[in-house]
Each structure stands twice: as C-alpha cells, then as structure tokens.
Amino acid sequence: MIELQGDLLLAAMGGSSDTWFDDAVTGETSQVWQPYPFPTETSYKHFLDSLWSKVTPWLVRTQGQVLLMTHDGPKGMATATMHQHEEMWTELGGFKAGVFKSGSQSQLELL
C-alpha cells in the first residue's frame, strides 16, 4: 500500500485466478491456465481480505479513495473476459472461437 495523497491510496497485489475457455465450436469448457500463486479462489480471497483489512482503517480515517491494482480483474468484467475468433492460441490446438473467462469472484464481491 502506498498513500499517493492524503485522500488517495494505492493498494496492490499480484497473482492470478484460473482461466477457462468456453469453446463456441465444440460447446466444451476447459481450463487453460492454472492460477498462481493462489491455487483456489478461497486462497485468493484470504489474501485479498488480508490486504483489505489494512485498507479499511485508512478509509475510515480519511474517507478517501482507493485504487485497487491487481493482476486479474473481477470475474465477469470486461478486463477478465476475452472473445476469441482467430488462430492465436496455438497451445489450444489451432483455431478457436469462444470466450476466455478469468477473474476473481472475491474481487467482484469486494467492489
């Protein structure tokens, strides 16, 4: 955490959530990337809650604003959803059309 101004705080954390691909061609859903270093949403939430417990007293004291910077965005938001319609992800085996979905449910609930 870094206080950028008296009423503006930057709170940041790294780490990713798992990523799934909903294949529009086959109708199958498959996991693309494993989350790191948080193997589950529960462990991600634990770390996020720990960070936010440090932010809360600052918010109470200042009534300021917080910039929350994370590697992944909240689940279901545009920053955590990517529509794929071209041959780009060769590790998935060539052309794919569908949606990559990542992001944290805990982060969505926090916001």
PDB file of N, CA and C in Angstrom:
ATOM      1  N   MET A   1       0.844  -1.171   0.000  1.00  0.00           N
ATOM      2  CA  MET A   1       0.000   0.000   0.000  1.00  0.00           C
ATOM      3  C   MET A   1       0.891   1.237   0.000  1.00  0.00           C
ATOM      4  N   ILE A   2       0.467   2.208  -0.800  1.00  0.00           N
ATOM      5  CA  ILE A   2       1.182   3.479  -0.872  1.00  0.00           C
ATOM      6  C   ILE A   2       0.150   4.605  -0.845  1.00  0.00           C
ATOM      7  N   GLU A   3       0.321   5.517   0.085  1.00  0.00           N
ATOM      8  CA  GLU A   3      -0.550   6.688   0.118  1.00  0.00           C
ATOM      9  C   GLU A   3      -0.022   7.684  -0.905  1.00  0.00           C
ATOM     10  N   LEU A   4      -0.780   7.872  -1.987  1.00  0.00           N
ATOM     11  CA  LEU A   4      -0.360   8.766  -3.066  1.00  0.00           C
ATOM     12  C   LEU A   4      -0.616  10.220  -2.723  1.00  0.00           C
ATOM     13  N   GLN A   5      -1.704  10.467  -2.002  1.00  0.00           N
ATOM     14  CA  GLN A   5      -2.087  11.784  -1.489  1.00  0.00           C
ATOM     15  C   GLN A   5      -2.793  11.521  -0.171  1.00  0.00           C
ATOM     16  N   GLY A   6      -3.135  12.549   0.534  1.00  0.00           N
ATOM     17  CA  GLY A   6      -3.821  12.383   1.810  1.00  0.00           C
ATOM     18  C   GLY A   6      -5.150  11.663   1.699  1.00  0.00           C
ATOM     19  N   ASP A   7      -5.764  11.729   0.519  1.00  0.00           N
ATOM     20  CA  ASP A   7      -7.072  11.088   0.342  1.00  0.00           C
ATOM     21  C   ASP A   7      -7.072  10.070  -0.801  1.00  0.00           C
ATOM     22  N   LEU A   8      -5.884   9.568  -1.183  1.00  0.00           N
ATOM     23  CA  LEU A   8      -5.791   8.608  -2.275  1.00  0.00           C
ATOM     24  C   LEU A   8      -4.745   7.540  -1.945  1.00  0.00           C
ATOM     25  N   LEU A   9      -5.196   6.288  -1.906  1.00  0.00           N
ATOM     26  CA  LEU A   9      -4.336   5.172  -1.535  1.00  0.00           C
ATOM     27  C   LEU A   9      -4.256   4.189  -2.695  1.00  0.00           C
ATOM     28  N   LEU A  10      -3.066   3.677  -2.947  1.00  0.00           N
ATOM     29  CA  LEU A  10      -2.875   2.601  -3.912  1.00  0.00           C
ATOM     30  C   LEU A  10      -2.672   1.314  -3.131  1.00  0.00           C
ATOM     31  N   ALA A  11      -3.534   0.326  -3.358  1.00  0.00           N
ATOM     32  CA  ALA A  11      -3.402  -0.999  -2.749  1.00  0.00           C
ATOM     33  C   ALA A  11      -3.245  -1.993  -3.894  1.00  0.00           C
ATOM     34  N   ALA A  12      -2.207  -2.812  -3.832  1.00  0.00           N
ATOM     35  CA  ALA A  12      -1.908  -3.689  -4.968  1.00  0.00           C
ATOM     36  C   ALA A  12      -1.577  -5.095  -4.497  1.00  0.00           C
ATOM     37  N   MET A  13      -1.873  -6.063  -5.382  1.00  0.00           N
ATOM     38  CA  MET A  13      -1.495  -7.451  -5.137  1.00  0.00           C
ATOM     39  C   MET A  13      -1.314  -8.153  -6.468  1.00  0.00           C
ATOM     40  N   GLY A  14      -0.414  -9.097  -6.508  1.00  0.00           N
ATOM     41  CA  GLY A  14      -0.199  -9.891  -7.705  1.00  0.00           C
ATOM     42  C   GLY A  14      -0.954 -11.202  -7.602  1.00  0.00           C
ATOM     43  N   GLY A  15      -0.685 -12.079  -8.533  1.00  0.00           N
ATOM     44  CA  GLY A  15      -1.335 -13.384  -8.522  1.00  0.00           C
ATOM     45  C   GLY A  15      -2.509 -13.438  -9.477  1.00  0.00           C
ATOM     46  N   SER A  16      -2.811 -14.627  -9.909  1.00  0.00           N
ATOM     47  CA  SER A  16      -3.873 -14.785 -10.895  1.00  0.00           C
ATOM     48  C   SER A  16      -4.904 -15.814 -10.447  1.00  0.00           C
ATOM     49  N   SER A  17      -6.037 -15.728 -11.066  1.00  0.00           N
ATOM     50  CA  SER A  17      -7.101 -16.717 -10.862  1.00  0.00           C
ATOM     51  C   SER A  17      -7.060 -17.697 -12.036  1.00  0.00           C
ATOM     52  N   ASP A  18      -7.826 -18.764 -11.934  1.00  0.00           N
ATOM     53  CA  ASP A  18      -7.817 -19.720 -13.045  1.00  0.00           C
ATOM     54  C   ASP A  18      -8.538 -19.147 -14.260  1.00  0.00           C
ATOM     55  N   THR A  19      -8.216 -19.676 -15.415  1.00  0.00           N
ATOM     56  CA  THR A  19      -8.800 -19.209 -16.668  1.00  0.00           C
ATOM     57  C   THR A  19      -9.420 -20.384 -17.401  1.00  0.00           C
ATOM     58  N   TRP A  20     -10.639 -20.179 -17.865  1.00  0.00           N
ATOM     59  CA  TRP A  20     -11.396 -21.217 -18.575  1.00  0.00           C
ATOM     60  C   TRP A  20     -11.706 -20.733 -19.980  1.00  0.00           C
ATOM     61  N   PHE A  21     -11.852 -21.676 -20.900  1.00  0.00           N
ATOM     62  CA  PHE A  21     -12.213 -21.349 -22.272  1.00  0.00           C
ATOM     63  C   PHE A  21     -13.522 -22.052 -22.614  1.00  0.00           C
ATOM     64  N   ASP A  22     -14.554 -21.275 -22.939  1.00  0.00           N
ATOM     65  CA  ASP A  22     -15.826 -21.814 -23.421  1.00  0.00           C
ATOM     66  C   ASP A  22     -15.745 -21.859 -24.936  1.00  0.00           C
ATOM     67  N   ASP A  23     -15.597 -23.066 -25.485  1.00  0.00           N
ATOM     68  CA  ASP A  23     -15.409 -23.258 -26.920  1.00  0.00           C
ATOM     69  C   ASP A  23     -16.747 -23.169 -27.632  1.00  0.00           C
ATOM     70  N   ALA A  24     -16.891 -22.165 -28.519  1.00  0.00           N
ATOM     71  CA  ALA A  24     -18.139 -21.961 -29.248  1.00  0.00           C
ATOM     72  C   ALA A  24     -18.341 -23.008 -30.339  1.00  0.00           C
ATOM     73  N   VAL A  25     -17.266 -23.680 -30.749  1.00  0.00           N
ATOM     74  CA  VAL A  25     -17.364 -24.685 -31.804  1.00  0.00           C
ATOM     75  C   VAL A  25     -17.828 -26.021 -31.236  1.00  0.00           C
ATOM     76  N   THR A  26     -17.174 -26.461 -30.147  1.00  0.00           N
ATOM     77  CA  THR A  26     -17.485 -27.782 -29.584  1.00  0.00           C
ATOM     78  C   THR A  26     -18.475 -27.732 -28.435  1.00  0.00           C
ATOM     79  N   GLY A  27     -18.645 -26.551 -27.824  1.00  0.00           N
ATOM     80  CA  GLY A  27     -19.510 -26.430 -26.663  1.00  0.00           C
ATOM     81  C   GLY A  27     -18.834 -26.864 -25.366  1.00  0.00           C
ATOM     82  N   GLU A  28     -17.567 -27.244 -25.446  1.00  0.00           N
ATOM     83  CA  GLU A  28     -16.841 -27.711 -24.267  1.00  0.00           C
ATOM     84  C   GLU A  28     -16.206 -26.541 -23.514  1.00  0.00           C
ATOM     85  N   THR A  29     -16.046 -26.741 -22.211  1.00  0.00           N
ATOM     86  CA  THR A  29     -15.336 -25.791 -21.364  1.00  0.00           C
ATOM     87  C   THR A  29     -14.092 -26.476 -20.843  1.00  0.00           C
ATOM     88  N   SER A  30     -12.955 -25.807 -20.952  1.00  0.00           N
ATOM     89  CA  SER A  30     -11.705 -26.403 -20.481  1.00  0.00           C
ATOM     90  C   SER A  30     -10.870 -25.358 -19.759  1.00  0.00           C
ATOM     91  N   GLN A  31     -10.097 -25.834 -18.777  1.00  0.00           N
ATOM     92  CA  GLN A  31      -9.205 -24.936 -18.062  1.00  0.00           C
ATOM     93  C   GLN A  31      -7.967 -24.686 -18.909  1.00  0.00           C
ATOM     94  N   VAL A  32      -7.598 -23.422 -19.043  1.00  0.00           N
ATOM     95  CA  VAL A  32      -6.475 -23.037 -19.887  1.00  0.00           C
ATOM     96  C   VAL A  32      -5.222 -22.810 -19.048  1.00  0.00           C
ATOM     97  N   TRP A  33      -5.337 -21.991 -18.006  1.00  0.00           N
ATOM     98  CA  TRP A  33      -4.206 -21.686 -17.151  1.00  0.00           C
ATOM     99  C   TRP A  33      -4.559 -21.992 -15.710  1.00  0.00           C
ATOM    100  N   GLN A  34      -3.583 -22.503 -14.986  1.00  0.00           N
ATOM    101  CA  GLN A  34      -3.719 -22.733 -13.556  1.00  0.00           C
ATOM    102  C   GLN A  34      -3.425 -21.424 -12.829  1.00  0.00           C
ATOM    103  N   PRO A  35      -4.145 -21.141 -11.765  1.00  0.00           N
ATOM    104  CA  PRO A  35      -3.881 -19.921 -11.015  1.00  0.00           C
ATOM    105  C   PRO A  35      -2.543 -19.996 -10.278  1.00  0.00           C
ATOM    106  N   TYR A  36      -1.894 -18.848 -10.099  1.00  0.00           N
ATOM    107  CA  TYR A  36      -0.641 -18.800  -9.362  1.00  0.00           C
ATOM    108  C   TYR A  36      -0.527 -17.454  -8.654  1.00  0.00           C
ATOM    109  N   PRO A  37      -0.112 -17.387  -7.437  1.00  0.00           N
ATOM    110  CA  PRO A  37       0.272 -18.462  -6.527  1.00  0.00           C
ATOM    111  C   PRO A  37      -0.894 -18.980  -5.697  1.00  0.00           C
ATOM    112  N   PHE A  38      -2.096 -18.548  -6.036  1.00  0.00           N
ATOM    113  CA  PHE A  38      -3.281 -18.942  -5.274  1.00  0.00           C
ATOM    114  C   PHE A  38      -3.958 -20.110  -5.974  1.00  0.00           C
ATOM    115  N   PRO A  39      -3.874 -21.329  -5.437  1.00  0.00           N
ATOM    116  CA  PRO A  39      -4.422 -22.487  -6.137  1.00  0.00           C
ATOM    117  C   PRO A  39      -5.947 -22.529  -6.179  1.00  0.00           C
ATOM    118  N   THR A  40      -6.592 -21.768  -5.299  1.00  0.00           N
ATOM    119  CA  THR A  40      -8.061 -21.766  -5.243  1.00  0.00           C
ATOM    120  C   THR A  40      -8.563 -20.337  -5.052  1.00  0.00           C
ATOM    121  N   GLU A  41      -9.819 -20.131  -5.342  1.00  0.00           N
ATOM    122  CA  GLU A  41     -10.455 -18.831  -5.089  1.00  0.00           C
ATOM    123  C   GLU A  41     -10.447 -18.538  -3.591  1.00  0.00           C
ATOM    124  N   THR A  42     -10.542 -19.569  -2.769  1.00  0.00           N
ATOM    125  CA  THR A  42     -10.516 -19.390  -1.311  1.00  0.00           C
ATOM    126  C   THR A  42      -9.189 -18.798  -0.855  1.00  0.00           C
ATOM    127  N   SER A  43      -8.066 -19.282  -1.401  1.00  0.00           N
ATOM    128  CA  SER A  43      -6.766 -18.736  -1.022  1.00  0.00           C
ATOM    129  C   SER A  43      -6.587 -17.317  -1.566  1.00  0.00           C
ATOM    130  N   TYR A  44      -7.120 -17.052  -2.756  1.00  0.00           N
ATOM    131  CA  TYR A  44      -7.088 -15.698  -3.317  1.00  0.00           C
ATOM    132  C   TYR A  44      -7.866 -14.751  -2.396  1.00  0.00           C
ATOM    133  N   LYS A  45      -9.058 -15.181  -1.985  1.00  0.00           N
ATOM    134  CA  LYS A  45      -9.907 -14.371  -1.107  1.00  0.00           C
ATOM    135  C   LYS A  45      -9.212 -14.093   0.222  1.00  0.00           C
ATOM    136  N   HIS A  46      -8.533 -15.086   0.761  1.00  0.00           N
ATOM    137  CA  HIS A  46      -7.834 -14.907   2.033  1.00  0.00           C
ATOM    138  C   HIS A  46      -6.797 -13.788   1.916  1.00  0.00           C
ATOM    139  N   PHE A  47      -6.025 -13.798   0.835  1.00  0.00           N
ATOM    140  CA  PHE A  47      -5.009 -12.762   0.638  1.00  0.00           C
ATOM    141  C   PHE A  47      -5.661 -11.398   0.398  1.00  0.00           C
ATOM    142  N   LEU A  48      -6.701 -11.360  -0.429  1.00  0.00           N
ATOM    143  CA  LEU A  48      -7.409 -10.109  -0.702  1.00  0.00           C
ATOM    144  C   LEU A  48      -8.018  -9.544   0.581  1.00  0.00           C
ATOM    145  N   ASP A  49      -8.610 -10.402   1.401  1.00  0.00           N
ATOM    146  CA  ASP A  49      -9.178  -9.955   2.679  1.00  0.00           C
ATOM    147  C   ASP A  49      -8.096  -9.395   3.601  1.00  0.00           C
ATOM    148  N   SER A  50      -6.917 -10.031   3.585  1.00  0.00           N
ATOM    149  CA  SER A  50      -5.805  -9.560   4.405  1.00  0.00           C
ATOM    150  C   SER A  50      -5.365  -8.166   3.951  1.00  0.00           C
ATOM    151  N   LEU A  51      -5.263  -7.972   2.647  1.00  0.00           N
ATOM    152  CA  LEU A  51      -4.916  -6.656   2.110  1.00  0.00           C
ATOM    153  C   LEU A  51      -5.978  -5.628   2.493  1.00  0.00           C
ATOM    154  N   TRP A  52      -7.246  -5.993   2.322  1.00  0.00           N
ATOM    155  CA  TRP A  52      -8.327  -5.038   2.570  1.00  0.00           C
ATOM    156  C   TRP A  52      -8.450  -4.689   4.053  1.00  0.00           C
ATOM    157  N   SER A  53      -8.042  -5.613   4.925  1.00  0.00           N
ATOM    158  CA  SER A  53      -8.080  -5.316   6.369  1.00  0.00           C
ATOM    159  C   SER A  53      -7.082  -4.210   6.716  1.00  0.00           C
ATOM    160  N   LYS A  54      -6.062  -4.030   5.901  1.00  0.00           N
ATOM    161  CA  LYS A  54      -5.104  -2.936   6.098  1.00  0.00           C
ATOM    162  C   LYS A  54      -5.620  -1.637   5.478  1.00  0.00           C
ATOM    163  N   VAL A  55      -6.438  -1.759   4.441  1.00  0.00           N
ATOM    164  CA  VAL A  55      -7.003  -0.587   3.764  1.00  0.00           C
ATOM    165  C   VAL A  55      -8.132   0.040   4.591  1.00  0.00           C
ATOM    166  N   THR A  56      -8.941  -0.785   5.224  1.00  0.00           N
ATOM    167  CA  THR A  56     -10.148  -0.319   5.915  1.00  0.00           C
ATOM    168  C   THR A  56      -9.882   0.777   6.951  1.00  0.00           C
ATOM    169  N   PRO A  57      -8.887   0.625   7.842  1.00  0.00           N
ATOM    170  CA  PRO A  57      -8.650   1.711   8.807  1.00  0.00           C
ATOM    171  C   PRO A  57      -8.288   3.035   8.134  1.00  0.00           C
ATOM    172  N   TRP A  58      -7.545   2.958   7.038  1.00  0.00           N
ATOM    173  CA  TRP A  58      -7.197   4.166   6.296  1.00  0.00           C
ATOM    174  C   TRP A  58      -8.455   4.825   5.738  1.00  0.00           C
ATOM    175  N   LEU A  59      -9.365   3.998   5.176  1.00  0.00           N
ATOM    176  CA  LEU A  59     -10.617   4.529   4.627  1.00  0.00           C
ATOM    177  C   LEU A  59     -11.461   5.206   5.702  1.00  0.00           C
ATOM    178  N   VAL A  60     -11.553   4.585   6.856  1.00  0.00           N
ATOM    179  CA  VAL A  60     -12.333   5.153   7.967  1.00  0.00           C
ATOM    180  C   VAL A  60     -11.742   6.497   8.398  1.00  0.00           C
ATOM    181  N   ARG A  61     -10.424   6.542   8.475  1.00  0.00           N
ATOM    182  CA  ARG A  61      -9.731   7.742   8.936  1.00  0.00           C
ATOM    183  C   ARG A  61      -9.825   8.886   7.928  1.00  0.00           C
ATOM    184  N   THR A  62      -9.698   8.593   6.638  1.00  0.00           N
ATOM    185  CA  THR A  62      -9.582   9.650   5.634  1.00  0.00           C
ATOM    186  C   THR A  62     -10.836   9.894   4.806  1.00  0.00           C
ATOM    187  N   GLN A  63     -11.736   8.901   4.737  1.00  0.00           N
ATOM    188  CA  GLN A  63     -12.880   8.979   3.817  1.00  0.00           C
ATOM    189  C   GLN A  63     -12.397   9.179   2.383  1.00  0.00           C
ATOM    190  N   GLY A  64     -11.203   8.677   2.079  1.00  0.00           N
ATOM    191  CA  GLY A  64     -10.590   8.857   0.772  1.00  0.00           C
ATOM    192  C   GLY A  64     -10.998   7.793  -0.234  1.00  0.00           C
ATOM    193  N   GLN A  65     -10.228   7.698  -1.286  1.00  0.00           N
ATOM    194  CA  GLN A  65     -10.477   6.740  -2.358  1.00  0.00           C
ATOM    195  C   GLN A  65      -9.295   5.795  -2.477  1.00  0.00           C
ATOM    196  N   VAL A  66      -9.600   4.564  -2.951  1.00  0.00           N
ATOM    197  CA  VAL A  66      -8.585   3.533  -3.082  1.00  0.00           C
ATOM    198  C   VAL A  66      -8.500   3.082  -4.535  1.00  0.00           C
ATOM    199  N   LEU A  67      -7.292   3.039  -5.062  1.00  0.00           N
ATOM    200  CA  LEU A  67      -7.028   2.406  -6.351  1.00  0.00           C
ATOM    201  C   LEU A  67      -6.580   0.983  -6.031  1.00  0.00           C
ATOM    202  N   LEU A  68      -7.363   0.001  -6.434  1.00  0.00           N
ATOM    203  CA  LEU A  68      -7.020  -1.396  -6.197  1.00  0.00           C
ATOM    204  C   LEU A  68      -6.404  -1.940  -7.482  1.00  0.00           C
ATOM    205  N   MET A  69      -5.114  -2.246  -7.435  1.00  0.00           N
ATOM    206  CA  MET A  69      -4.402  -2.740  -8.612  1.00  0.00           C
ATOM    207  C   MET A  69      -4.118  -4.227  -8.425  1.00  0.00           C
ATOM    208  N   THR A  70      -4.638  -5.027  -9.342  1.00  0.00           N
ATOM    209  CA  THR A  70      -4.450  -6.478  -9.276  1.00  0.00           C
ATOM    210  C   THR A  70      -4.055  -7.001 -10.653  1.00  0.00           C
ATOM    211  N   HIS A  71      -3.514  -8.207 -10.671  1.00  0.00           N
ATOM    212  CA  HIS A  71      -3.132  -8.818 -11.945  1.00  0.00           C
ATOM    213  C   HIS A  71      -4.371  -9.178 -12.758  1.00  0.00           C
ATOM    214  N   ASP A  72      -5.315  -9.848 -12.140  1.00  0.00           N
ATOM    215  CA  ASP A  72      -6.590 -10.196 -12.793  1.00  0.00           C
ATOM    216  C   ASP A  72      -7.678  -9.255 -12.321  1.00  0.00           C
ATOM    217  N   GLY A  73      -8.678  -9.067 -13.158  1.00  0.00           N
ATOM    218  CA  GLY A  73      -9.805  -8.239 -12.772  1.00  0.00           C
ATOM    219  C   GLY A  73     -10.887  -9.050 -12.082  1.00  0.00           C
ATOM    220  N   PRO A  74     -11.983  -8.402 -11.738  1.00  0.00           N
ATOM    221  CA  PRO A  74     -13.114  -9.098 -11.135  1.00  0.00           C
ATOM    222  C   PRO A  74     -13.764 -10.052 -12.140  1.00  0.00           C
ATOM    223  N   LYS A  75     -14.239 -11.175 -11.655  1.00  0.00           N
ATOM    224  CA  LYS A  75     -14.880 -12.181 -12.502  1.00  0.00           C
ATOM    225  C   LYS A  75     -16.080 -11.584 -13.236  1.00  0.00           C
ATOM    226  N   GLY A  76     -16.150 -11.877 -14.528  1.00  0.00           N
ATOM    227  CA  GLY A  76     -17.287 -11.445 -15.328  1.00  0.00           C
ATOM    228  C   GLY A  76     -17.163 -10.055 -15.939  1.00  0.00           C
ATOM    229  N   MET A  77     -16.163  -9.295 -15.539  1.00  0.00           N
ATOM    230  CA  MET A  77     -15.977  -7.956 -16.085  1.00  0.00           C
ATOM    231  C   MET A  77     -15.185  -8.032 -17.393  1.00  0.00           C
ATOM    232  N   ALA A  78     -15.220  -6.969 -18.169  1.00  0.00           N
ATOM    233  CA  ALA A  78     -14.555  -6.950 -19.477  1.00  0.00           C
ATOM    234  C   ALA A  78     -13.052  -7.188 -19.370  1.00  0.00           C
ATOM    235  N   THR A  79     -12.434  -6.767 -18.270  1.00  0.00           N
ATOM    236  CA  THR A  79     -10.992  -6.969 -18.117  1.00  0.00           C
ATOM    237  C   THR A  79     -10.628  -8.433 -17.886  1.00  0.00           C
ATOM    238  N   ALA A  80     -11.610  -9.253 -17.567  1.00  0.00           N
ATOM    239  CA  ALA A  80     -11.362 -10.668 -17.284  1.00  0.00           C
ATOM    240  C   ALA A  80     -12.068 -11.587 -18.283  1.00  0.00           C
ATOM    241  N   THR A  81     -12.538 -11.029 -19.390  1.00  0.00           N
ATOM    242  CA  THR A  81     -13.248 -11.804 -20.409  1.00  0.00           C
ATOM    243  C   THR A  81     -12.690 -11.427 -21.777  1.00  0.00           C
ATOM    244  N   MET A  82     -12.332 -12.427 -22.567  1.00  0.00           N
ATOM    245  CA  MET A  82     -11.782 -12.144 -23.890  1.00  0.00           C
ATOM    246  C   MET A  82     -12.463 -13.037 -24.920  1.00  0.00           C
ATOM    247  N   HIS A  83     -13.066 -12.426 -25.921  1.00  0.00           N
ATOM    248  CA  HIS A  83     -13.687 -13.169 -27.012  1.00  0.00           C
ATOM    249  C   HIS A  83     -12.616 -13.507 -28.043  1.00  0.00           C
ATOM    250  N   GLN A  84     -12.567 -14.751 -28.441  1.00  0.00           N
ATOM    251  CA  GLN A  84     -11.528 -15.242 -29.354  1.00  0.00           C
ATOM    252  C   GLN A  84     -12.172 -15.710 -30.656  1.00  0.00           C
ATOM    253  N   HIS A  85     -11.702 -15.187 -31.775  1.00  0.00           N
ATOM    254  CA  HIS A  85     -12.244 -15.570 -33.074  1.00  0.00           C
ATOM    255  C   HIS A  85     -11.156 -15.751 -34.118  1.00  0.00           C
ATOM    256  N   GLU A  86      -9.962 -16.093 -33.690  1.00  0.00           N
ATOM    257  CA  GLU A  86      -8.879 -16.240 -34.658  1.00  0.00           C
ATOM    258  C   GLU A  86      -7.859 -17.248 -34.154  1.00  0.00           C
ATOM    259  N   GLU A  87      -7.006 -17.670 -35.048  1.00  0.00           N
ATOM    260  CA  GLU A  87      -5.965 -18.608 -34.670  1.00  0.00           C
ATOM    261  C   GLU A  87      -4.854 -17.830 -33.974  1.00  0.00           C
ATOM    262  N   MET A  88      -4.780 -17.998 -32.671  1.00  0.00           N
ATOM    263  CA  MET A  88      -3.833 -17.223 -31.896  1.00  0.00           C
ATOM    264  C   MET A  88      -3.237 -18.046 -30.766  1.00  0.00           C
ATOM    265  N   TRP A  89      -4.025 -18.910 -30.176  1.00  0.00           N
ATOM    266  CA  TRP A  89      -3.598 -19.666 -29.010  1.00  0.00           C
ATOM    267  C   TRP A  89      -3.182 -21.066 -29.453  1.00  0.00           C
ATOM    268  N   THR A  90      -1.965 -21.195 -29.935  1.00  0.00           N
ATOM    269  CA  THR A  90      -1.515 -22.460 -30.515  1.00  0.00           C
ATOM    270  C   THR A  90      -1.492 -23.588 -29.498  1.00  0.00           C
ATOM    271  N   GLU A  91      -1.304 -23.274 -28.204  1.00  0.00           N
ATOM    272  CA  GLU A  91      -1.297 -24.341 -27.209  1.00  0.00           C
ATOM    273  C   GLU A  91      -2.676 -24.983 -27.041  1.00  0.00           C
ATOM    274  N   LEU A  92      -3.706 -24.326 -27.572  1.00  0.00           N
ATOM    275  CA  LEU A  92      -5.047 -24.907 -27.524  1.00  0.00           C
ATOM    276  C   LEU A  92      -5.348 -25.743 -28.760  1.00  0.00           C
ATOM    277  N   GLY A  93      -4.420 -25.802 -29.694  1.00  0.00           N
ATOM    278  CA  GLY A  93      -4.606 -26.666 -30.852  1.00  0.00           C
ATOM    279  C   GLY A  93      -5.189 -25.988 -32.066  1.00  0.00           C
ATOM    280  N   GLY A  94      -4.731 -24.791 -32.407  1.00  0.00           N
ATOM    281  CA  GLY A  94      -5.173 -24.148 -33.633  1.00  0.00           C
ATOM    282  C   GLY A  94      -6.330 -23.201 -33.436  1.00  0.00           C
ATOM    283  N   PHE A  95      -7.158 -23.073 -34.470  1.00  0.00           N
ATOM    284  CA  PHE A  95      -8.258 -22.104 -34.464  1.00  0.00           C
ATOM    285  C   PHE A  95      -9.244 -22.389 -33.344  1.00  0.00           C
ATOM    286  N   LYS A  96      -9.592 -21.358 -32.630  1.00  0.00           N
ATOM    287  CA  LYS A  96     -10.588 -21.459 -31.574  1.00  0.00           C
ATOM    288  C   LYS A  96     -11.520 -20.263 -31.656  1.00  0.00           C
ATOM    289  N   ALA A  97     -12.772 -20.510 -31.451  1.00  0.00           N
ATOM    290  CA  ALA A  97     -13.756 -19.436 -31.335  1.00  0.00           C
ATOM    291  C   ALA A  97     -14.492 -19.658 -30.036  1.00  0.00           C
ATOM    292  N   GLY A  98     -14.554 -18.649 -29.222  1.00  0.00           N
ATOM    293  CA  GLY A  98     -15.222 -18.778 -27.940  1.00  0.00           C
ATOM    294  C   GLY A  98     -14.818 -17.655 -27.006  1.00  0.00           C
ATOM    295  N   VAL A  99     -14.905 -17.933 -25.708  1.00  0.00           N
ATOM    296  CA  VAL A  99     -14.661 -16.903 -24.710  1.00  0.00           C
ATOM    297  C   VAL A  99     -13.704 -17.430 -23.642  1.00  0.00           C
ATOM    298  N   PHE A 100     -12.640 -16.669 -23.383  1.00  0.00           N
ATOM    299  CA  PHE A 100     -11.762 -16.929 -22.254  1.00  0.00           C
ATOM    300  C   PHE A 100     -12.341 -16.205 -21.049  1.00  0.00           C
ATOM    301  N   LYS A 101     -12.472 -16.908 -19.933  1.00  0.00           N
ATOM    302  CA  LYS A 101     -13.036 -16.305 -18.727  1.00  0.00           C
ATOM    303  C   LYS A 101     -12.070 -16.504 -17.566  1.00  0.00           C
ATOM    304  N   SER A 102     -11.718 -15.405 -16.936  1.00  0.00           N
ATOM    305  CA  SER A 102     -10.876 -15.458 -15.749  1.00  0.00           C
ATOM    306  C   SER A 102     -11.446 -14.479 -14.739  1.00  0.00           C
ATOM    307  N   GLY A 103     -10.669 -14.127 -13.756  1.00  0.00           N
ATOM    308  CA  GLY A 103     -11.108 -13.144 -12.784  1.00  0.00           C
ATOM    309  C   GLY A 103     -11.534 -13.776 -11.468  1.00  0.00           C
ATOM    310  N   SER A 104     -11.598 -12.937 -10.461  1.00  0.00           N
ATOM    311  CA  SER A 104     -11.866 -13.375  -9.100  1.00  0.00           C
ATOM    312  C   SER A 104     -13.273 -13.009  -8.648  1.00  0.00           C
ATOM    313  N   GLN A 105     -14.010 -13.995  -8.178  1.00  0.00           N
ATOM    314  CA  GLN A 105     -15.338 -13.761  -7.596  1.00  0.00           C
ATOM    315  C   GLN A 105     -15.217 -12.918  -6.329  1.00  0.00           C
ATOM    316  N   SER A 106     -14.188 -13.169  -5.535  1.00  0.00           N
ATOM    317  CA  SER A 106     -13.976 -12.406  -4.296  1.00  0.00           C
ATOM    318  C   SER A 106     -13.761 -10.931  -4.590  1.00  0.00           C
ATOM    319  N   GLN A 107     -13.007 -10.666  -5.629  1.00  0.00           N
ATOM    320  CA  GLN A 107     -12.764  -9.271  -6.021  1.00  0.00           C
ATOM    321  C   GLN A 107     -14.062  -8.607  -6.491  1.00  0.00           C
ATOM    322  N   LEU A 108     -14.866  -9.346  -7.240  1.00  0.00           N
ATOM    323  CA  LEU A 108     -16.161  -8.815  -7.686  1.00  0.00           C
ATOM    324  C   LEU A 108     -17.036  -8.460  -6.486  1.00  0.00           C
ATOM    325  N   GLU A 109     -17.075  -9.336  -5.498  1.00  0.00           N
ATOM    326  CA  GLU A 109     -17.893  -9.098  -4.302  1.00  0.00           C
ATOM    327  C   GLU A 109     -17.369  -7.923  -3.485  1.00  0.00           C
ATOM    328  N   LEU A 110     -16.045  -7.729  -3.453  1.00  0.00           N
ATOM    329  CA  LEU A 110     -15.464  -6.620  -2.718  1.00  0.00           C
ATOM    330  C   LEU A 110     -15.877  -5.287  -3.330  1.00  0.00           C
ATOM    331  N   LEU A 111     -15.875  -5.243  -4.666  1.00  0.00           N
ATOM    332  CA  LEU A 111     -16.198  -3.987  -5.341  1.00  0.00           C
ATOM    333  C   LEU A 111     -17.671  -3.697  -5.271  1.00  0.00           C
TER     334      LEU A 111
END
